[in-house]
Amino acid sequence: MLALLRERALVEDHEVFLAVGRNAQDHADRYRDLCQSCLDVATMEEIRRKTNRDYVLGSAKFARQIGATLRHRVTEGKPGRPPTG
């Protein structure tokens, strides 16, 4: 469960997250408050951009592992057409 109350198949709730509230709305409210108080605007925008596009947020090694597991690209590609020749 994410702060916006949308479920994702690959995301599982952590026991600490589950311990902070009585129900899904409590969890989401407290998680949202935590994120807003601890993360700067640029970091939050990066998280939003990557999650909205289903990209991995983490190291290059982690991204390769997730991409191999899911069998599709999970990072941003280079813009434009690939070079020929």
PDB file of N, CA and C in Angstrom:
ATOM      1  N   MET A   1       0.853  -1.174   0.000  1.00  0.00           N
ATOM      2  CA  MET A   1       0.000   0.000   0.000  1.00  0.00           C
ATOM      3  C   MET A   1       0.888   1.224   0.000  1.00  0.00           C
ATOM      4  N   LEU A   2       0.572   2.196  -0.800  1.00  0.00           N
ATOM      5  CA  LEU A   2       1.342   3.428  -0.859  1.00  0.00           C
ATOM      6  C   LEU A   2       0.558   4.548  -0.190  1.00  0.00           C
ATOM      7  N   ALA A   3       1.173   5.689  -0.061  1.00  0.00           N
ATOM      8  CA  ALA A   3       0.528   6.816   0.606  1.00  0.00           C
ATOM      9  C   ALA A   3      -0.754   7.250  -0.097  1.00  0.00           C
ATOM     10  N   LEU A   4      -0.871   6.971  -1.373  1.00  0.00           N
ATOM     11  CA  LEU A   4      -2.075   7.348  -2.113  1.00  0.00           C
ATOM     12  C   LEU A   4      -3.113   6.229  -2.127  1.00  0.00           C
ATOM     13  N   LEU A   5      -2.892   5.205  -1.326  1.00  0.00           N
ATOM     14  CA  LEU A   5      -3.810   4.080  -1.171  1.00  0.00           C
ATOM     15  C   LEU A   5      -3.997   3.266  -2.444  1.00  0.00           C
ATOM     16  N   ARG A   6      -2.972   3.237  -3.298  1.00  0.00           N
ATOM     17  CA  ARG A   6      -3.011   2.376  -4.473  1.00  0.00           C
ATOM     18  C   ARG A   6      -2.145   1.164  -4.193  1.00  0.00           C
ATOM     19  N   GLU A   7      -2.647  -0.002  -4.522  1.00  0.00           N
ATOM     20  CA  GLU A   7      -1.867  -1.209  -4.300  1.00  0.00           C
ATOM     21  C   GLU A   7      -1.029  -1.531  -5.526  1.00  0.00           C
ATOM     22  N   ARG A   8       0.156  -2.080  -5.284  1.00  0.00           N
ATOM     23  CA  ARG A   8       1.051  -2.519  -6.353  1.00  0.00           C
ATOM     24  C   ARG A   8       1.388  -3.979  -6.081  1.00  0.00           C
ATOM     25  N   ALA A   9       1.396  -4.779  -7.119  1.00  0.00           N
ATOM     26  CA  ALA A   9       1.616  -6.214  -6.980  1.00  0.00           C
ATOM     27  C   ALA A   9       2.990  -6.543  -6.401  1.00  0.00           C
ATOM     28  N   LEU A  10       4.015  -5.767  -6.714  1.00  0.00           N
ATOM     29  CA  LEU A  10       5.367  -6.077  -6.267  1.00  0.00           C
ATOM     30  C   LEU A  10       5.731  -5.417  -4.942  1.00  0.00           C
ATOM     31  N   VAL A  11       4.852  -4.603  -4.401  1.00  0.00           N
ATOM     32  CA  VAL A  11       5.145  -3.898  -3.161  1.00  0.00           C
ATOM     33  C   VAL A  11       4.399  -4.568  -2.020  1.00  0.00           C
ATOM     34  N   GLU A  12       5.152  -4.906  -0.990  1.00  0.00           N
ATOM     35  CA  GLU A  12       4.550  -5.505   0.200  1.00  0.00           C
ATOM     36  C   GLU A  12       4.750  -4.560   1.373  1.00  0.00           C
ATOM     37  N   ASP A  13       3.763  -4.480   2.245  1.00  0.00           N
ATOM     38  CA  ASP A  13       3.861  -3.622   3.411  1.00  0.00           C
ATOM     39  C   ASP A  13       4.913  -4.153   4.375  1.00  0.00           C
ATOM     40  N   HIS A  14       5.716  -3.246   4.892  1.00  0.00           N
ATOM     41  CA  HIS A  14       6.740  -3.589   5.875  1.00  0.00           C
ATOM     42  C   HIS A  14       6.101  -3.578   7.261  1.00  0.00           C
ATOM     43  N   GLU A  15       6.614  -4.412   8.156  1.00  0.00           N
ATOM     44  CA  GLU A  15       6.032  -4.521   9.492  1.00  0.00           C
ATOM     45  C   GLU A  15       6.041  -3.188  10.238  1.00  0.00           C
ATOM     46  N   VAL A  16       7.048  -2.359  10.027  1.00  0.00           N
ATOM     47  CA  VAL A  16       7.089  -1.046  10.678  1.00  0.00           C
ATOM     48  C   VAL A  16       5.957  -0.171  10.148  1.00  0.00           C
ATOM     49  N   PHE A  17       5.740  -0.206   8.840  1.00  0.00           N
ATOM     50  CA  PHE A  17       4.643   0.551   8.232  1.00  0.00           C
ATOM     51  C   PHE A  17       3.305   0.105   8.816  1.00  0.00           C
ATOM     52  N   LEU A  18       3.117  -1.194   8.954  1.00  0.00           N
ATOM     53  CA  LEU A  18       1.858  -1.722   9.476  1.00  0.00           C
ATOM     54  C   LEU A  18       1.637  -1.346  10.938  1.00  0.00           C
ATOM     55  N   ALA A  19       2.723  -1.100  11.671  1.00  0.00           N
ATOM     56  CA  ALA A  19       2.610  -0.799  13.097  1.00  0.00           C
ATOM     57  C   ALA A  19       2.234   0.653  13.382  1.00  0.00           C
ATOM     58  N   VAL A  20       2.200   1.515  12.384  1.00  0.00           N
ATOM     59  CA  VAL A  20       1.978   2.936  12.642  1.00  0.00           C
ATOM     60  C   VAL A  20       0.522   3.372  12.580  1.00  0.00           C
ATOM     61  N   GLY A  21      -0.391   2.470  12.342  1.00  0.00           N
ATOM     62  CA  GLY A  21      -1.790   2.885  12.280  1.00  0.00           C
ATOM     63  C   GLY A  21      -2.740   1.730  12.434  1.00  0.00           C
ATOM     64  N   ARG A  22      -4.009   2.075  12.630  1.00  0.00           N
ATOM     65  CA  ARG A  22      -5.037   1.051  12.848  1.00  0.00           C
ATOM     66  C   ARG A  22      -5.644   0.529  11.554  1.00  0.00           C
ATOM     67  N   ASN A  23      -5.572   1.348  10.496  1.00  0.00           N
ATOM     68  CA  ASN A  23      -6.194   0.941   9.234  1.00  0.00           C
ATOM     69  C   ASN A  23      -5.431   1.554   8.065  1.00  0.00           C
ATOM     70  N   ALA A  24      -5.869   1.272   6.868  1.00  0.00           N
ATOM     71  CA  ALA A  24      -5.157   1.724   5.668  1.00  0.00           C
ATOM     72  C   ALA A  24      -5.062   3.245   5.601  1.00  0.00           C
ATOM     73  N   GLN A  25      -6.117   3.950   5.995  1.00  0.00           N
ATOM     74  CA  GLN A  25      -6.079   5.416   5.957  1.00  0.00           C
ATOM     75  C   GLN A  25      -5.064   5.962   6.957  1.00  0.00           C
ATOM     76  N   ASP A  26      -5.000   5.390   8.166  1.00  0.00           N
ATOM     77  CA  ASP A  26      -3.991   5.803   9.160  1.00  0.00           C
ATOM     78  C   ASP A  26      -2.582   5.587   8.613  1.00  0.00           C
ATOM     79  N   HIS A  27      -2.364   4.419   8.016  1.00  0.00           N
ATOM     80  CA  HIS A  27      -1.051   4.108   7.444  1.00  0.00           C
ATOM     81  C   HIS A  27      -0.674   5.145   6.393  1.00  0.00           C
ATOM     82  N   ALA A  28      -1.592   5.416   5.494  1.00  0.00           N
ATOM     83  CA  ALA A  28      -1.319   6.356   4.409  1.00  0.00           C
ATOM     84  C   ALA A  28      -1.062   7.758   4.946  1.00  0.00           C
ATOM     85  N   ASP A  29      -1.869   8.212   5.900  1.00  0.00           N
ATOM     86  CA  ASP A  29      -1.700   9.558   6.467  1.00  0.00           C
ATOM     87  C   ASP A  29      -0.338   9.707   7.141  1.00  0.00           C
ATOM     88  N   ARG A  30       0.028   8.746   7.942  1.00  0.00           N
ATOM     89  CA  ARG A  30       1.298   8.828   8.668  1.00  0.00           C
ATOM     90  C   ARG A  30       2.489   8.689   7.731  1.00  0.00           C
ATOM     91  N   TYR A  31       2.375   7.822   6.744  1.00  0.00           N
ATOM     92  CA  TYR A  31       3.456   7.652   5.771  1.00  0.00           C
ATOM     93  C   TYR A  31       3.638   8.938   4.967  1.00  0.00           C
ATOM     94  N   ARG A  32       2.540   9.553   4.550  1.00  0.00           N
ATOM     95  CA  ARG A  32       2.590  10.807   3.804  1.00  0.00           C
ATOM     96  C   ARG A  32       3.239  11.895   4.650  1.00  0.00           C
ATOM     97  N   ASP A  33       2.846  11.990   5.932  1.00  0.00           N
ATOM     98  CA  ASP A  33       3.448  12.979   6.830  1.00  0.00           C
ATOM     99  C   ASP A  33       4.944  12.753   6.980  1.00  0.00           C
ATOM    100  N   LEU A  34       5.348  11.508   7.108  1.00  0.00           N
ATOM    101  CA  LEU A  34       6.768  11.179   7.234  1.00  0.00           C
ATOM    102  C   LEU A  34       7.535  11.618   5.995  1.00  0.00           C
ATOM    103  N   CYS A  35       7.002  11.299   4.834  1.00  0.00           N
ATOM    104  CA  CYS A  35       7.668  11.665   3.587  1.00  0.00           C
ATOM    105  C   CYS A  35       7.766  13.177   3.429  1.00  0.00           C
ATOM    106  N   GLN A  36       6.738  13.883   3.791  1.00  0.00           N
ATOM    107  CA  GLN A  36       6.746  15.332   3.629  1.00  0.00           C
ATOM    108  C   GLN A  36       7.699  16.008   4.606  1.00  0.00           C
ATOM    109  N   SER A  37       7.908  15.412   5.760  1.00  0.00           N
ATOM    110  CA  SER A  37       8.764  16.048   6.756  1.00  0.00           C
ATOM    111  C   SER A  37      10.238  15.695   6.580  1.00  0.00           C
ATOM    112  N   CYS A  38      10.554  14.597   5.924  1.00  0.00           N
ATOM    113  CA  CYS A  38      11.936  14.123   5.851  1.00  0.00           C
ATOM    114  C   CYS A  38      12.604  14.301   4.495  1.00  0.00           C
ATOM    115  N   LEU A  39      11.851  14.436   3.442  1.00  0.00           N
ATOM    116  CA  LEU A  39      12.429  14.466   2.105  1.00  0.00           C
ATOM    117  C   LEU A  39      12.277  15.845   1.476  1.00  0.00           C
ATOM    118  N   ASP A  40      13.329  16.276   0.784  1.00  0.00           N
ATOM    119  CA  ASP A  40      13.248  17.569   0.109  1.00  0.00           C
ATOM    120  C   ASP A  40      12.395  17.437  -1.155  1.00  0.00           C
ATOM    121  N   VAL A  41      12.026  18.562  -1.699  1.00  0.00           N
ATOM    122  CA  VAL A  41      11.124  18.610  -2.853  1.00  0.00           C
ATOM    123  C   VAL A  41      11.712  17.876  -4.055  1.00  0.00           C
ATOM    124  N   ALA A  42      12.990  18.061  -4.332  1.00  0.00           N
ATOM    125  CA  ALA A  42      13.618  17.416  -5.495  1.00  0.00           C
ATOM    126  C   ALA A  42      13.579  15.894  -5.375  1.00  0.00           C
ATOM    127  N   THR A  43      13.822  15.382  -4.184  1.00  0.00           N
ATOM    128  CA  THR A  43      13.778  13.928  -3.973  1.00  0.00           C
ATOM    129  C   THR A  43      12.370  13.404  -4.156  1.00  0.00           C
ATOM    130  N   MET A  44      11.397  14.118  -3.611  1.00  0.00           N
ATOM    131  CA  MET A  44       9.995  13.693  -3.775  1.00  0.00           C
ATOM    132  C   MET A  44       9.599  13.699  -5.248  1.00  0.00           C
ATOM    133  N   GLU A  45      10.036  14.709  -6.009  1.00  0.00           N
ATOM    134  CA  GLU A  45       9.720  14.764  -7.439  1.00  0.00           C
ATOM    135  C   GLU A  45      10.352  13.590  -8.187  1.00  0.00           C
ATOM    136  N   GLU A  46      11.583  13.234  -7.832  1.00  0.00           N
ATOM    137  CA  GLU A  46      12.243  12.090  -8.475  1.00  0.00           C
ATOM    138  C   GLU A  46      11.477  10.800  -8.172  1.00  0.00           C
ATOM    139  N   ILE A  47      11.063  10.630  -6.945  1.00  0.00           N
ATOM    140  CA  ILE A  47      10.292   9.440  -6.563  1.00  0.00           C
ATOM    141  C   ILE A  47       8.982   9.401  -7.342  1.00  0.00           C
ATOM    142  N   ARG A  48       8.282  10.511  -7.418  1.00  0.00           N
ATOM    143  CA  ARG A  48       7.011  10.562  -8.155  1.00  0.00           C
ATOM    144  C   ARG A  48       7.214  10.253  -9.633  1.00  0.00           C
ATOM    145  N   ARG A  49       8.229  10.885 -10.233  1.00  0.00           N
ATOM    146  CA  ARG A  49       8.476  10.685 -11.658  1.00  0.00           C
ATOM    147  C   ARG A  49       8.775   9.222 -11.967  1.00  0.00           C
ATOM    148  N   LYS A  50       9.610   8.620 -11.159  1.00  0.00           N
ATOM    149  CA  LYS A  50       9.988   7.233 -11.422  1.00  0.00           C
ATOM    150  C   LYS A  50       8.842   6.267 -11.140  1.00  0.00           C
ATOM    151  N   THR A  51       8.107   6.471 -10.066  1.00  0.00           N
ATOM    152  CA  THR A  51       7.001   5.550  -9.783  1.00  0.00           C
ATOM    153  C   THR A  51       5.865   5.718 -10.781  1.00  0.00           C
ATOM    154  N   ASN A  52       5.604   6.943 -11.229  1.00  0.00           N
ATOM    155  CA  ASN A  52       4.550   7.158 -12.223  1.00  0.00           C
ATOM    156  C   ASN A  52       4.878   6.514 -13.558  1.00  0.00           C
ATOM    157  N   ARG A  53       6.152   6.353 -13.845  1.00  0.00           N
ATOM    158  CA  ARG A  53       6.577   5.736 -15.107  1.00  0.00           C
ATOM    159  C   ARG A  53       6.998   4.274 -14.928  1.00  0.00           C
ATOM    160  N   ASP A  54       6.798   3.735 -13.725  1.00  0.00           N
ATOM    161  CA  ASP A  54       7.188   2.356 -13.395  1.00  0.00           C
ATOM    162  C   ASP A  54       8.681   2.117 -13.562  1.00  0.00           C
ATOM    163  N   TYR A  55       9.483   3.124 -13.207  1.00  0.00           N
ATOM    164  CA  TYR A  55      10.933   2.992 -13.218  1.00  0.00           C
ATOM    165  C   TYR A  55      11.418   2.644 -11.814  1.00  0.00           C
ATOM    166  N   VAL A  56      12.570   1.995 -11.754  1.00  0.00           N
ATOM    167  CA  VAL A  56      13.163   1.614 -10.481  1.00  0.00           C
ATOM    168  C   VAL A  56      13.859   2.815  -9.868  1.00  0.00           C
ATOM    169  N   LEU A  57      13.741   2.945  -8.562  1.00  0.00           N
ATOM    170  CA  LEU A  57      14.473   3.955  -7.817  1.00  0.00           C
ATOM    171  C   LEU A  57      15.519   3.220  -6.995  1.00  0.00           C
ATOM    172  N   GLY A  58      16.767   3.364  -7.371  1.00  0.00           N
ATOM    173  CA  GLY A  58      17.843   2.666  -6.677  1.00  0.00           C
ATOM    174  C   GLY A  58      19.100   2.635  -7.527  1.00  0.00           C
ATOM    175  N   SER A  59      20.027   1.798  -7.140  1.00  0.00           N
ATOM    176  CA  SER A  59      21.310   1.721  -7.837  1.00  0.00           C
ATOM    177  C   SER A  59      21.150   1.080  -9.217  1.00  0.00           C
ATOM    178  N   ALA A  60      22.183   1.238 -10.045  1.00  0.00           N
ATOM    179  CA  ALA A  60      22.183   0.628 -11.380  1.00  0.00           C
ATOM    180  C   ALA A  60      22.127  -0.896 -11.266  1.00  0.00           C
ATOM    181  N   LYS A  61      22.848  -1.442 -10.295  1.00  0.00           N
ATOM    182  CA  LYS A  61      22.838  -2.894 -10.090  1.00  0.00           C
ATOM    183  C   LYS A  61      21.435  -3.377  -9.732  1.00  0.00           C
ATOM    184  N   PHE A  62      20.777  -2.668  -8.822  1.00  0.00           N
ATOM    185  CA  PHE A  62      19.418  -3.019  -8.424  1.00  0.00           C
ATOM    186  C   PHE A  62      18.480  -2.953  -9.624  1.00  0.00           C
ATOM    187  N   ALA A  63      18.618  -1.898 -10.434  1.00  0.00           N
ATOM    188  CA  ALA A  63      17.771  -1.738 -11.622  1.00  0.00           C
ATOM    189  C   ALA A  63      17.972  -2.894 -12.595  1.00  0.00           C
ATOM    190  N   ARG A  64      19.232  -3.311 -12.798  1.00  0.00           N
ATOM    191  CA  ARG A  64      19.493  -4.457 -13.693  1.00  0.00           C
ATOM    192  C   ARG A  64      18.836  -5.726 -13.148  1.00  0.00           C
ATOM    193  N   GLN A  65      18.929  -5.944 -11.851  1.00  0.00           N
ATOM    194  CA  GLN A  65      18.335  -7.142 -11.248  1.00  0.00           C
ATOM    195  C   GLN A  65      16.814  -7.139 -11.396  1.00  0.00           C
ATOM    196  N   ILE A  66      16.198  -6.007 -11.133  1.00  0.00           N
ATOM    197  CA  ILE A  66      14.738  -5.914 -11.259  1.00  0.00           C
ATOM    198  C   ILE A  66      14.327  -6.049 -12.723  1.00  0.00           C
ATOM    199  N   GLY A  67      15.049  -5.400 -13.615  1.00  0.00           N
ATOM    200  CA  GLY A  67      14.755  -5.508 -15.044  1.00  0.00           C
ATOM    201  C   GLY A  67      14.845  -6.935 -15.536  1.00  0.00           C
ATOM    202  N   ALA A  68      15.865  -7.660 -15.073  1.00  0.00           N
ATOM    203  CA  ALA A  68      16.016  -9.064 -15.473  1.00  0.00           C
ATOM    204  C   ALA A  68      14.881  -9.915 -14.914  1.00  0.00           C
ATOM    205  N   THR A  69      14.490  -9.638 -13.698  1.00  0.00           N
ATOM    206  CA  THR A  69      13.390 -10.395 -13.079  1.00  0.00           C
ATOM    207  C   THR A  69      12.078 -10.144 -13.797  1.00  0.00           C
ATOM    208  N   LEU A  70      11.798  -8.876 -14.108  1.00  0.00           N
ATOM    209  CA  LEU A  70      10.535  -8.511 -14.759  1.00  0.00           C
ATOM    210  C   LEU A  70      10.563  -8.692 -16.268  1.00  0.00           C
ATOM    211  N   ARG A  71      11.772  -8.810 -16.820  1.00  0.00           N
ATOM    212  CA  ARG A  71      11.979  -8.967 -18.256  1.00  0.00           C
ATOM    213  C   ARG A  71      11.471  -7.782 -19.077  1.00  0.00           C
ATOM    214  N   HIS A  72      11.674  -6.589 -18.516  1.00  0.00           N
ATOM    215  CA  HIS A  72      11.436  -5.370 -19.291  1.00  0.00           C
ATOM    216  C   HIS A  72      12.229  -4.229 -18.673  1.00  0.00           C
ATOM    217  N   ARG A  73      12.382  -3.155 -19.431  1.00  0.00           N
ATOM    218  CA  ARG A  73      13.178  -2.021 -18.980  1.00  0.00           C
ATOM    219  C   ARG A  73      12.493  -1.334 -17.805  1.00  0.00           C
ATOM    220  N   VAL A  74      13.281  -1.009 -16.791  1.00  0.00           N
ATOM    221  CA  VAL A  74      12.754  -0.339 -15.607  1.00  0.00           C
ATOM    222  C   VAL A  74      13.516   0.958 -15.323  1.00  0.00           C
ATOM    223  N   THR A  75      14.270   1.420 -16.320  1.00  0.00           N
ATOM    224  CA  THR A  75      14.998   2.681 -16.209  1.00  0.00           C
ATOM    225  C   THR A  75      14.687   3.538 -17.422  1.00  0.00           C
ATOM    226  N   GLU A  76      14.986   4.816 -17.314  1.00  0.00           N
ATOM    227  CA  GLU A  76      14.743   5.721 -18.433  1.00  0.00           C
ATOM    228  C   GLU A  76      15.697   5.407 -19.577  1.00  0.00           C
ATOM    229  N   GLY A  77      15.177   5.402 -20.784  1.00  0.00           N
ATOM    230  CA  GLY A  77      16.008   5.197 -21.955  1.00  0.00           C
ATOM    231  C   GLY A  77      16.561   6.515 -22.457  1.00  0.00           C
ATOM    232  N   LYS A  78      17.465   6.430 -23.398  1.00  0.00           N
ATOM    233  CA  LYS A  78      18.010   7.635 -24.013  1.00  0.00           C
ATOM    234  C   LYS A  78      16.998   8.174 -25.016  1.00  0.00           C
ATOM    235  N   PRO A  79      16.765   9.471 -25.036  1.00  0.00           N
ATOM    236  CA  PRO A  79      15.797  10.030 -25.993  1.00  0.00           C
ATOM    237  C   PRO A  79      16.311   9.959 -27.421  1.00  0.00           C
ATOM    238  N   GLY A  80      15.409   9.880 -28.360  1.00  0.00           N
ATOM    239  CA  GLY A  80      15.769   9.871 -29.768  1.00  0.00           C
ATOM    240  C   GLY A  80      15.948   8.464 -30.326  1.00  0.00           C
ATOM    241  N   ARG A  81      16.236   8.408 -31.592  1.00  0.00           N
ATOM    242  CA  ARG A  81      16.436   7.143 -32.275  1.00  0.00           C
ATOM    243  C   ARG A  81      17.836   6.619 -31.998  1.00  0.00           C
ATOM    244  N   PRO A  82      17.992   5.301 -31.972  1.00  0.00           N
ATOM    245  CA  PRO A  82      19.337   4.755 -31.790  1.00  0.00           C
ATOM    246  C   PRO A  82      20.201   5.032 -33.020  1.00  0.00           C
ATOM    247  N   PRO A  83      21.496   5.189 -32.813  1.00  0.00           N
ATOM    248  CA  PRO A  83      22.381   5.451 -33.971  1.00  0.00           C
ATOM    249  C   PRO A  83      22.418   4.251 -34.907  1.00  0.00           C
ATOM    250  N   THR A  84      22.583   4.527 -36.173  1.00  0.00           N
ATOM    251  CA  THR A  84      22.676   3.444 -37.171  1.00  0.00           C
ATOM    252  C   THR A  84      24.118   3.299 -37.628  1.00  0.00           C
ATOM    253  N   GLY A  85      24.400   2.112 -38.134  1.00  0.00           N
ATOM    254  CA  GLY A  85      25.650   1.912 -38.809  1.00  0.00           C
ATOM    255  C   GLY A  85      26.741   1.441 -38.013  1.00  0.00           C
TER     256      GLY A  85
END
